mmCIF file of all heavy atoms, coordinates in Angstrom:
data_MODEL
# 
_entry.id   MODEL 
# 
loop_
_atom_site.group_PDB 
_atom_site.id 
_atom_site.type_symbol 
_atom_site.label_atom_id 
_atom_site.label_alt_id 
_atom_site.label_comp_id 
_atom_site.label_asym_id 
_atom_site.label_entity_id 
_atom_site.label_seq_id 
_atom_site.pdbx_PDB_ins_code 
_atom_site.Cartn_x 
_atom_site.Cartn_y 
_atom_site.Cartn_z 
_atom_site.occupancy 
_atom_site.B_iso_or_equiv 
_atom_site.pdbx_formal_charge 
_atom_site.auth_seq_id 
_atom_site.auth_comp_id 
_atom_site.auth_asym_id 
_atom_site.auth_atom_id 
_atom_site.pdbx_PDB_model_num 
ATOM 1   N N   . ASP A 1 1  ? 115.996 93.994  116.958 1.00 0.00 ? 1  ASP A N   1 
ATOM 2   C CA  . ASP A 1 1  ? 117.220 94.745  116.632 1.00 0.00 ? 1  ASP A CA  1 
ATOM 3   C C   . ASP A 1 1  ? 117.920 94.197  115.393 1.00 0.00 ? 1  ASP A C   1 
ATOM 4   O O   . ASP A 1 1  ? 118.526 94.937  114.632 1.00 0.00 ? 1  ASP A O   1 
ATOM 5   C CB  . ASP A 1 1  ? 118.203 94.728  117.802 1.00 0.00 ? 1  ASP A CB  1 
ATOM 6   C CG  . ASP A 1 1  ? 118.005 95.887  118.754 1.00 0.00 ? 1  ASP A CG  1 
ATOM 7   O OD1 . ASP A 1 1  ? 117.253 96.822  118.412 1.00 0.00 ? 1  ASP A OD1 1 
ATOM 8   O OD2 . ASP A 1 1  ? 118.602 95.852  119.832 1.00 0.00 ? 1  ASP A OD2 1 
ATOM 9   N N   . GLU A 1 2  ? 117.853 92.883  115.207 1.00 0.00 ? 2  GLU A N   1 
ATOM 10  C CA  . GLU A 1 2  ? 118.515 92.274  114.048 1.00 0.00 ? 2  GLU A CA  1 
ATOM 11  C C   . GLU A 1 2  ? 117.956 92.807  112.730 1.00 0.00 ? 2  GLU A C   1 
ATOM 12  O O   . GLU A 1 2  ? 118.654 92.819  111.720 1.00 0.00 ? 2  GLU A O   1 
ATOM 13  C CB  . GLU A 1 2  ? 118.346 90.751  114.085 1.00 0.00 ? 2  GLU A CB  1 
ATOM 14  C CG  . GLU A 1 2  ? 119.069 90.094  115.223 1.00 0.00 ? 2  GLU A CG  1 
ATOM 15  C CD  . GLU A 1 2  ? 118.791 88.607  115.262 1.00 0.00 ? 2  GLU A CD  1 
ATOM 16  O OE1 . GLU A 1 2  ? 117.690 88.164  114.878 1.00 0.00 ? 2  GLU A OE1 1 
ATOM 17  O OE2 . GLU A 1 2  ? 119.700 87.878  115.671 1.00 0.00 ? 2  GLU A OE2 1 
ATOM 18  N N   . PHE A 1 3  ? 116.704 93.225  112.735 1.00 0.00 ? 3  PHE A N   1 
ATOM 19  C CA  . PHE A 1 3  ? 116.062 93.783  111.552 1.00 0.00 ? 3  PHE A CA  1 
ATOM 20  C C   . PHE A 1 3  ? 116.822 95.016  111.039 1.00 0.00 ? 3  PHE A C   1 
ATOM 21  O O   . PHE A 1 3  ? 116.840 95.286  109.842 1.00 0.00 ? 3  PHE A O   1 
ATOM 22  C CB  . PHE A 1 3  ? 114.610 94.160  111.892 1.00 0.00 ? 3  PHE A CB  1 
ATOM 23  C CG  . PHE A 1 3  ? 113.850 94.800  110.780 1.00 0.00 ? 3  PHE A CG  1 
ATOM 24  C CD1 . PHE A 1 3  ? 113.222 94.025  109.815 1.00 0.00 ? 3  PHE A CD1 1 
ATOM 25  C CD2 . PHE A 1 3  ? 113.739 96.181  110.698 1.00 0.00 ? 3  PHE A CD2 1 
ATOM 26  C CE1 . PHE A 1 3  ? 112.506 94.615  108.786 1.00 0.00 ? 3  PHE A CE1 1 
ATOM 27  C CE2 . PHE A 1 3  ? 113.026 96.779  109.676 1.00 0.00 ? 3  PHE A CE2 1 
ATOM 28  C CZ  . PHE A 1 3  ? 112.410 95.993  108.716 1.00 0.00 ? 3  PHE A CZ  1 
ATOM 29  N N   . PHE A 1 4  ? 117.425 95.740  111.964 1.00 0.00 ? 4  PHE A N   1 
ATOM 30  C CA  . PHE A 1 4  ? 118.102 96.998  111.621 1.00 0.00 ? 4  PHE A CA  1 
ATOM 31  C C   . PHE A 1 4  ? 119.580 96.820  111.265 1.00 0.00 ? 4  PHE A C   1 
ATOM 32  O O   . PHE A 1 4  ? 120.292 97.803  111.065 1.00 0.00 ? 4  PHE A O   1 
ATOM 33  C CB  . PHE A 1 4  ? 117.959 97.991  112.777 1.00 0.00 ? 4  PHE A CB  1 
ATOM 34  C CG  . PHE A 1 4  ? 116.531 98.346  113.075 1.00 0.00 ? 4  PHE A CG  1 
ATOM 35  C CD1 . PHE A 1 4  ? 115.898 97.841  114.192 1.00 0.00 ? 4  PHE A CD1 1 
ATOM 36  C CD2 . PHE A 1 4  ? 115.819 99.169  112.224 1.00 0.00 ? 4  PHE A CD2 1 
ATOM 37  C CE1 . PHE A 1 4  ? 114.574 98.157  114.471 1.00 0.00 ? 4  PHE A CE1 1 
ATOM 38  C CE2 . PHE A 1 4  ? 114.494 99.494  112.486 1.00 0.00 ? 4  PHE A CE2 1 
ATOM 39  C CZ  . PHE A 1 4  ? 113.873 98.983  113.614 1.00 0.00 ? 4  PHE A CZ  1 
ATOM 40  N N   . ILE A 1 5  ? 120.046 95.591  111.201 1.00 0.00 ? 5  ILE A N   1 
ATOM 41  C CA  . ILE A 1 5  ? 121.444 95.343  110.848 1.00 0.00 ? 5  ILE A CA  1 
ATOM 42  C C   . ILE A 1 5  ? 121.541 95.091  109.356 1.00 0.00 ? 5  ILE A C   1 
ATOM 43  O O   . ILE A 1 5  ? 120.885 94.206  108.816 1.00 0.00 ? 5  ILE A O   1 
ATOM 44  C CB  . ILE A 1 5  ? 122.016 94.142  111.633 1.00 0.00 ? 5  ILE A CB  1 
ATOM 45  C CG1 . ILE A 1 5  ? 121.967 94.430  113.129 1.00 0.00 ? 5  ILE A CG1 1 
ATOM 46  C CG2 . ILE A 1 5  ? 123.454 93.853  111.187 1.00 0.00 ? 5  ILE A CG2 1 
ATOM 47  C CD1 . ILE A 1 5  ? 122.331 93.244  114.004 1.00 0.00 ? 5  ILE A CD1 1 
ATOM 48  N N   . GLY A 1 6  ? 122.338 95.920  108.695 1.00 0.00 ? 6  GLY A N   1 
ATOM 49  C CA  . GLY A 1 6  ? 122.533 95.793  107.255 1.00 0.00 ? 6  GLY A CA  1 
ATOM 50  C C   . GLY A 1 6  ? 124.002 95.808  106.906 1.00 0.00 ? 6  GLY A C   1 
ATOM 51  O O   . GLY A 1 6  ? 124.860 95.710  107.791 1.00 0.00 ? 6  GLY A O   1 
ATOM 52  N N   . PRO A 1 7  ? 124.310 95.976  105.638 1.00 0.00 ? 7  PRO A N   1 
ATOM 53  C CA  . PRO A 1 7  ? 125.707 95.974  105.191 1.00 0.00 ? 7  PRO A CA  1 
ATOM 54  C C   . PRO A 1 7  ? 126.569 97.040  105.874 1.00 0.00 ? 7  PRO A C   1 
ATOM 55  O O   . PRO A 1 7  ? 127.767 96.868  106.026 1.00 0.00 ? 7  PRO A O   1 
ATOM 56  C CB  . PRO A 1 7  ? 125.614 96.248  103.698 1.00 0.00 ? 7  PRO A CB  1 
ATOM 57  C CG  . PRO A 1 7  ? 124.200 95.972  103.326 1.00 0.00 ? 7  PRO A CG  1 
ATOM 58  C CD  . PRO A 1 7  ? 123.372 96.138  104.554 1.00 0.00 ? 7  PRO A CD  1 
ATOM 59  N N   . GLU A 1 8  ? 125.932 98.123  106.287 1.00 0.00 ? 8  GLU A N   1 
ATOM 60  C CA  . GLU A 1 8  ? 126.680 99.215  106.934 1.00 0.00 ? 8  GLU A CA  1 
ATOM 61  C C   . GLU A 1 8  ? 126.599 99.147  108.453 1.00 0.00 ? 8  GLU A C   1 
ATOM 62  O O   . GLU A 1 8  ? 126.938 100.111 109.141 1.00 0.00 ? 8  GLU A O   1 
ATOM 63  C CB  . GLU A 1 8  ? 126.164 100.551 106.425 1.00 0.00 ? 8  GLU A CB  1 
ATOM 64  C CG  . GLU A 1 8  ? 126.362 100.728 104.927 1.00 0.00 ? 8  GLU A CG  1 
ATOM 65  C CD  . GLU A 1 8  ? 125.744 102.000 104.405 1.00 0.00 ? 8  GLU A CD  1 
ATOM 66  O OE1 . GLU A 1 8  ? 125.357 102.883 105.197 1.00 0.00 ? 8  GLU A OE1 1 
ATOM 67  O OE2 . GLU A 1 8  ? 125.650 102.124 103.174 1.00 0.00 ? 8  GLU A OE2 1 
ATOM 68  N N   . GLY A 1 9  ? 126.126 98.033  108.995 1.00 0.00 ? 9  GLY A N   1 
ATOM 69  C CA  . GLY A 1 9  ? 126.016 97.898  110.441 1.00 0.00 ? 9  GLY A CA  1 
ATOM 70  C C   . GLY A 1 9  ? 124.611 98.190  110.935 1.00 0.00 ? 9  GLY A C   1 
ATOM 71  O O   . GLY A 1 9  ? 123.651 98.135  110.182 1.00 0.00 ? 9  GLY A O   1 
ATOM 72  N N   . TYR A 1 10 ? 124.512 98.513  112.203 1.00 0.00 ? 10 TYR A N   1 
ATOM 73  C CA  . TYR A 1 10 ? 123.222 98.758  112.856 1.00 0.00 ? 10 TYR A CA  1 
ATOM 74  C C   . TYR A 1 10 ? 122.755 100.176 112.572 1.00 0.00 ? 10 TYR A C   1 
ATOM 75  O O   . TYR A 1 10 ? 123.473 101.137 112.806 1.00 0.00 ? 10 TYR A O   1 
ATOM 76  C CB  . TYR A 1 10 ? 123.366 98.547  114.368 1.00 0.00 ? 10 TYR A CB  1 
ATOM 77  C CG  . TYR A 1 10 ? 122.091 98.732  115.143 1.00 0.00 ? 10 TYR A CG  1 
ATOM 78  C CD1 . TYR A 1 10 ? 121.146 97.714  115.205 1.00 0.00 ? 10 TYR A CD1 1 
ATOM 79  C CD2 . TYR A 1 10 ? 121.835 99.912  115.825 1.00 0.00 ? 10 TYR A CD2 1 
ATOM 80  C CE1 . TYR A 1 10 ? 119.975 97.867  115.926 1.00 0.00 ? 10 TYR A CE1 1 
ATOM 81  C CE2 . TYR A 1 10 ? 120.671 100.079 116.555 1.00 0.00 ? 10 TYR A CE2 1 
ATOM 82  C CZ  . TYR A 1 10 ? 119.739 99.052  116.599 1.00 0.00 ? 10 TYR A CZ  1 
ATOM 83  O OH  . TYR A 1 10 ? 118.577 99.211  117.311 1.00 0.00 ? 10 TYR A OH  1 
ATOM 84  N N   . LYS A 1 11 ? 121.527 100.286 112.060 1.00 0.00 ? 11 LYS A N   1 
ATOM 85  C CA  . LYS A 1 11 ? 120.952 101.604 111.771 1.00 0.00 ? 11 LYS A CA  1 
ATOM 86  C C   . LYS A 1 11 ? 119.481 101.583 112.177 1.00 0.00 ? 11 LYS A C   1 
ATOM 87  O O   . LYS A 1 11 ? 118.617 101.136 111.427 1.00 0.00 ? 11 LYS A O   1 
ATOM 88  C CB  . LYS A 1 11 ? 121.100 101.944 110.297 1.00 0.00 ? 11 LYS A CB  1 
ATOM 89  C CG  . LYS A 1 11 ? 120.693 103.366 109.984 1.00 0.00 ? 11 LYS A CG  1 
ATOM 90  C CD  . LYS A 1 11 ? 120.993 103.718 108.553 1.00 0.00 ? 11 LYS A CD  1 
ATOM 91  C CE  . LYS A 1 11 ? 120.546 105.148 108.288 1.00 0.00 ? 11 LYS A CE  1 
ATOM 92  N NZ  . LYS A 1 11 ? 120.692 105.505 106.899 1.00 0.00 ? 11 LYS A NZ  1 
ATOM 93  N N   . PHE A 1 12 ? 119.207 102.059 113.390 1.00 0.00 ? 12 PHE A N   1 
ATOM 94  C CA  . PHE A 1 12 ? 117.848 102.058 113.932 1.00 0.00 ? 12 PHE A CA  1 
ATOM 95  C C   . PHE A 1 12 ? 116.995 103.108 113.247 1.00 0.00 ? 12 PHE A C   1 
ATOM 96  O O   . PHE A 1 12 ? 117.445 104.220 112.977 1.00 0.00 ? 12 PHE A O   1 
ATOM 97  C CB  . PHE A 1 12 ? 117.880 102.321 115.440 1.00 0.00 ? 12 PHE A CB  1 
ATOM 98  C CG  . PHE A 1 12 ? 116.518 102.324 116.070 1.00 0.00 ? 12 PHE A CG  1 
ATOM 99  C CD1 . PHE A 1 12 ? 115.850 101.140 116.292 1.00 0.00 ? 12 PHE A CD1 1 
ATOM 100 C CD2 . PHE A 1 12 ? 115.913 103.520 116.421 1.00 0.00 ? 12 PHE A CD2 1 
ATOM 101 C CE1 . PHE A 1 12 ? 114.585 101.130 116.874 1.00 0.00 ? 12 PHE A CE1 1 
ATOM 102 C CE2 . PHE A 1 12 ? 114.652 103.528 117.006 1.00 0.00 ? 12 PHE A CE2 1 
ATOM 103 C CZ  . PHE A 1 12 ? 113.996 102.335 117.228 1.00 0.00 ? 12 PHE A CZ  1 
ATOM 104 N N   . ASP A 1 13 ? 115.732 102.765 112.962 1.00 0.00 ? 13 ASP A N   1 
ATOM 105 C CA  . ASP A 1 13 ? 114.767 103.685 112.359 1.00 0.00 ? 13 ASP A CA  1 
ATOM 106 C C   . ASP A 1 13 ? 113.438 103.498 113.092 1.00 0.00 ? 13 ASP A C   1 
ATOM 107 O O   . ASP A 1 13 ? 112.758 102.488 112.913 1.00 0.00 ? 13 ASP A O   1 
ATOM 108 C CB  . ASP A 1 13 ? 114.616 103.379 110.868 1.00 0.00 ? 13 ASP A CB  1 
ATOM 109 C CG  . ASP A 1 13 ? 113.654 104.304 110.154 1.00 0.00 ? 13 ASP A CG  1 
ATOM 110 O OD1 . ASP A 1 13 ? 112.908 105.057 110.824 1.00 0.00 ? 13 ASP A OD1 1 
ATOM 111 O OD2 . ASP A 1 13 ? 113.624 104.264 108.914 1.00 0.00 ? 13 ASP A OD2 1 
ATOM 112 N N   . ILE A 1 14 ? 113.084 104.452 113.924 1.00 0.00 ? 14 ILE A N   1 
ATOM 113 C CA  . ILE A 1 14 ? 111.862 104.363 114.731 1.00 0.00 ? 14 ILE A CA  1 
ATOM 114 C C   . ILE A 1 14 ? 110.626 104.144 113.863 1.00 0.00 ? 14 ILE A C   1 
ATOM 115 O O   . ILE A 1 14 ? 109.684 103.485 114.282 1.00 0.00 ? 14 ILE A O   1 
ATOM 116 C CB  . ILE A 1 14 ? 111.693 105.630 115.626 1.00 0.00 ? 14 ILE A CB  1 
ATOM 117 C CG1 . ILE A 1 14 ? 110.553 105.435 116.644 1.00 0.00 ? 14 ILE A CG1 1 
ATOM 118 C CG2 . ILE A 1 14 ? 111.411 106.859 114.784 1.00 0.00 ? 14 ILE A CG2 1 
ATOM 119 C CD1 . ILE A 1 14 ? 110.917 104.603 117.804 1.00 0.00 ? 14 ILE A CD1 1 
ATOM 120 N N   . GLU A 1 15 ? 110.648 104.642 112.643 1.00 0.00 ? 15 GLU A N   1 
ATOM 121 C CA  . GLU A 1 15 ? 109.512 104.499 111.726 1.00 0.00 ? 15 GLU A CA  1 
ATOM 122 C C   . GLU A 1 15 ? 109.281 103.034 111.354 1.00 0.00 ? 15 GLU A C   1 
ATOM 123 O O   . GLU A 1 15 ? 108.187 102.662 110.951 1.00 0.00 ? 15 GLU A O   1 
ATOM 124 C CB  . GLU A 1 15 ? 109.752 105.306 110.447 1.00 0.00 ? 15 GLU A CB  1 
ATOM 125 C CG  . GLU A 1 15 ? 110.017 106.775 110.675 1.00 0.00 ? 15 GLU A CG  1 
ATOM 126 C CD  . GLU A 1 15 ? 108.742 107.595 110.702 1.00 0.00 ? 15 GLU A CD  1 
ATOM 127 O OE1 . GLU A 1 15 ? 107.808 107.241 109.966 1.00 0.00 ? 15 GLU A OE1 1 
ATOM 128 O OE2 . GLU A 1 15 ? 108.700 108.574 111.464 1.00 0.00 ? 15 GLU A OE2 1 
ATOM 129 N N   . LYS A 1 16 ? 110.312 102.204 111.474 1.00 0.00 ? 16 LYS A N   1 
ATOM 130 C CA  . LYS A 1 16 ? 110.210 100.800 111.074 1.00 0.00 ? 16 LYS A CA  1 
ATOM 131 C C   . LYS A 1 16 ? 110.144 99.845  112.268 1.00 0.00 ? 16 LYS A C   1 
ATOM 132 O O   . LYS A 1 16 ? 110.261 98.636  112.091 1.00 0.00 ? 16 LYS A O   1 
ATOM 133 C CB  . LYS A 1 16 ? 111.397 100.430 110.184 1.00 0.00 ? 16 LYS A CB  1 
ATOM 134 C CG  . LYS A 1 16 ? 111.398 101.177 108.865 1.00 0.00 ? 16 LYS A CG  1 
ATOM 135 C CD  . LYS A 1 16 ? 112.540 100.744 107.995 1.00 0.00 ? 16 LYS A CD  1 
ATOM 136 C CE  . LYS A 1 16 ? 112.506 101.501 106.672 1.00 0.00 ? 16 LYS A CE  1 
ATOM 137 N NZ  . LYS A 1 16 ? 113.630 101.106 105.817 1.00 0.00 ? 16 LYS A NZ  1 
ATOM 138 N N   . LEU A 1 17 ? 109.925 100.385 113.455 1.00 0.00 ? 17 LEU A N   1 
ATOM 139 C CA  . LEU A 1 17 ? 109.945 99.538  114.654 1.00 0.00 ? 17 LEU A CA  1 
ATOM 140 C C   . LEU A 1 17 ? 108.826 98.489  114.628 1.00 0.00 ? 17 LEU A C   1 
ATOM 141 O O   . LEU A 1 17 ? 109.048 97.326  114.962 1.00 0.00 ? 17 LEU A O   1 
ATOM 142 C CB  . LEU A 1 17 ? 109.861 100.392 115.916 1.00 0.00 ? 17 LEU A CB  1 
ATOM 143 C CG  . LEU A 1 17 ? 110.080 99.658  117.228 1.00 0.00 ? 17 LEU A CG  1 
ATOM 144 C CD1 . LEU A 1 17 ? 111.412 98.926  117.233 1.00 0.00 ? 17 LEU A CD1 1 
ATOM 145 C CD2 . LEU A 1 17 ? 109.997 100.623 118.398 1.00 0.00 ? 17 LEU A CD2 1 
ATOM 146 N N   . GLY A 1 18 ? 107.634 98.874  114.225 1.00 0.00 ? 18 GLY A N   1 
ATOM 147 C CA  . GLY A 1 18 ? 106.527 97.917  114.133 1.00 0.00 ? 18 GLY A CA  1 
ATOM 148 C C   . GLY A 1 18 ? 106.841 96.801  113.151 1.00 0.00 ? 18 GLY A C   1 
ATOM 149 O O   . GLY A 1 18 ? 106.582 95.615  113.420 1.00 0.00 ? 18 GLY A O   1 
ATOM 150 N N   . GLU A 1 19 ? 107.406 97.170  112.013 1.00 0.00 ? 19 GLU A N   1 
ATOM 151 C CA  . GLU A 1 19 ? 107.805 96.186  111.007 1.00 0.00 ? 19 GLU A CA  1 
ATOM 152 C C   . GLU A 1 19 ? 108.879 95.248  111.565 1.00 0.00 ? 19 GLU A C   1 
ATOM 153 O O   . GLU A 1 19 ? 108.869 94.044  111.312 1.00 0.00 ? 19 GLU A O   1 
ATOM 154 C CB  . GLU A 1 19 ? 108.330 96.917  109.770 1.00 0.00 ? 19 GLU A CB  1 
ATOM 155 C CG  . GLU A 1 19 ? 108.658 96.027  108.612 1.00 0.00 ? 19 GLU A CG  1 
ATOM 156 C CD  . GLU A 1 19 ? 109.180 96.814  107.406 1.00 0.00 ? 19 GLU A CD  1 
ATOM 157 O OE1 . GLU A 1 19 ? 109.072 98.057  107.370 1.00 0.00 ? 19 GLU A OE1 1 
ATOM 158 O OE2 . GLU A 1 19 ? 109.717 96.151  106.505 1.00 0.00 ? 19 GLU A OE2 1 
ATOM 159 N N   . ALA A 1 20 ? 109.795 95.812  112.348 1.00 0.00 ? 20 ALA A N   1 
ATOM 160 C CA  . ALA A 1 20 ? 110.868 95.010  112.945 1.00 0.00 ? 20 ALA A CA  1 
ATOM 161 C C   . ALA A 1 20 ? 110.307 93.968  113.912 1.00 0.00 ? 20 ALA A C   1 
ATOM 162 O O   . ALA A 1 20 ? 110.763 92.823  113.932 1.00 0.00 ? 20 ALA A O   1 
ATOM 163 C CB  . ALA A 1 20 ? 111.867 95.911  113.659 1.00 0.00 ? 20 ALA A CB  1 
ATOM 164 N N   . HIS A 1 21 ? 109.310 94.351  114.697 1.00 0.00 ? 21 HIS A N   1 
ATOM 165 C CA  . HIS A 1 21 ? 108.725 93.399  115.640 1.00 0.00 ? 21 HIS A CA  1 
ATOM 166 C C   . HIS A 1 21 ? 107.918 92.316  114.926 1.00 0.00 ? 21 HIS A C   1 
ATOM 167 O O   . HIS A 1 21 ? 107.942 91.152  115.340 1.00 0.00 ? 21 HIS A O   1 
ATOM 168 C CB  . HIS A 1 21 ? 107.890 94.124  116.691 1.00 0.00 ? 21 HIS A CB  1 
ATOM 169 C CG  . HIS A 1 21 ? 108.738 94.709  117.773 1.00 0.00 ? 21 HIS A CG  1 
ATOM 170 N ND1 . HIS A 1 21 ? 109.256 93.953  118.801 1.00 0.00 ? 21 HIS A ND1 1 
ATOM 171 C CD2 . HIS A 1 21 ? 109.186 95.970  117.967 1.00 0.00 ? 21 HIS A CD2 1 
ATOM 172 C CE1 . HIS A 1 21 ? 109.986 94.731  119.584 1.00 0.00 ? 21 HIS A CE1 1 
ATOM 173 N NE2 . HIS A 1 21 ? 109.960 95.952  119.097 1.00 0.00 ? 21 HIS A NE2 1 
ATOM 174 N N   . LYS A 1 22 ? 107.250 92.661  113.842 1.00 0.00 ? 22 LYS A N   1 
ATOM 175 C CA  . LYS A 1 22 ? 106.551 91.646  113.039 1.00 0.00 ? 22 LYS A CA  1 
ATOM 176 C C   . LYS A 1 22 ? 107.557 90.676  112.423 1.00 0.00 ? 22 LYS A C   1 
ATOM 177 O O   . LYS A 1 22 ? 107.336 89.465  112.397 1.00 0.00 ? 22 LYS A O   1 
ATOM 178 C CB  . LYS A 1 22 ? 105.720 92.313  111.941 1.00 0.00 ? 22 LYS A CB  1 
ATOM 179 C CG  . LYS A 1 22 ? 104.503 93.007  112.469 1.00 0.00 ? 22 LYS A CG  1 
ATOM 180 C CD  . LYS A 1 22 ? 103.739 93.683  111.339 1.00 0.00 ? 22 LYS A CD  1 
ATOM 181 C CE  . LYS A 1 22 ? 102.624 94.537  111.896 1.00 0.00 ? 22 LYS A CE  1 
ATOM 182 N NZ  . LYS A 1 22 ? 101.954 95.297  110.846 1.00 0.00 ? 22 LYS A NZ  1 
ATOM 183 N N   . TRP A 1 23 ? 108.668 91.205  111.932 1.00 0.00 ? 23 TRP A N   1 
ATOM 184 C CA  . TRP A 1 23 ? 109.733 90.377  111.351 1.00 0.00 ? 23 TRP A CA  1 
ATOM 185 C C   . TRP A 1 23 ? 110.275 89.406  112.398 1.00 0.00 ? 23 TRP A C   1 
ATOM 186 O O   . TRP A 1 23 ? 110.486 88.229  112.130 1.00 0.00 ? 23 TRP A O   1 
ATOM 187 C CB  . TRP A 1 23 ? 110.829 91.296  110.815 1.00 0.00 ? 23 TRP A CB  1 
ATOM 188 C CG  . TRP A 1 23 ? 112.045 90.592  110.314 1.00 0.00 ? 23 TRP A CG  1 
ATOM 189 C CD1 . TRP A 1 23 ? 112.253 90.111  109.051 1.00 0.00 ? 23 TRP A CD1 1 
ATOM 190 C CD2 . TRP A 1 23 ? 113.231 90.291  111.053 1.00 0.00 ? 23 TRP A CD2 1 
ATOM 191 N NE1 . TRP A 1 23 ? 113.503 89.534  108.966 1.00 0.00 ? 23 TRP A NE1 1 
ATOM 192 C CE2 . TRP A 1 23 ? 114.119 89.628  110.186 1.00 0.00 ? 23 TRP A CE2 1 
ATOM 193 C CE3 . TRP A 1 23 ? 113.635 90.522  112.359 1.00 0.00 ? 23 TRP A CE3 1 
ATOM 194 C CZ2 . TRP A 1 23 ? 115.375 89.200  110.576 1.00 0.00 ? 23 TRP A CZ2 1 
ATOM 195 C CZ3 . TRP A 1 23 ? 114.883 90.087  112.766 1.00 0.00 ? 23 TRP A CZ3 1 
ATOM 196 C CH2 . TRP A 1 23 ? 115.742 89.434  111.874 1.00 0.00 ? 23 TRP A CH2 1 
ATOM 197 N N   . CYS A 1 24 ? 110.486 89.906  113.606 1.00 0.00 ? 24 CYS A N   1 
ATOM 198 C CA  . CYS A 1 24 ? 111.007 89.083  114.694 1.00 0.00 ? 24 CYS A CA  1 
ATOM 199 C C   . CYS A 1 24 ? 110.022 87.959  115.031 1.00 0.00 ? 24 CYS A C   1 
ATOM 200 O O   . CYS A 1 24 ? 110.428 86.805  115.212 1.00 0.00 ? 24 CYS A O   1 
ATOM 201 C CB  . CYS A 1 24 ? 111.287 89.947  115.925 1.00 0.00 ? 24 CYS A CB  1 
ATOM 202 S SG  . CYS A 1 24 ? 111.966 89.037  117.322 1.00 0.00 ? 24 CYS A SG  1 
# 
């Protein structure tokens, strides 16, 4: 979830979920 936190807050993108888990 932290992968999706940016300057504008939390913005989930299902297309980037795999990338988010690799980042984690």
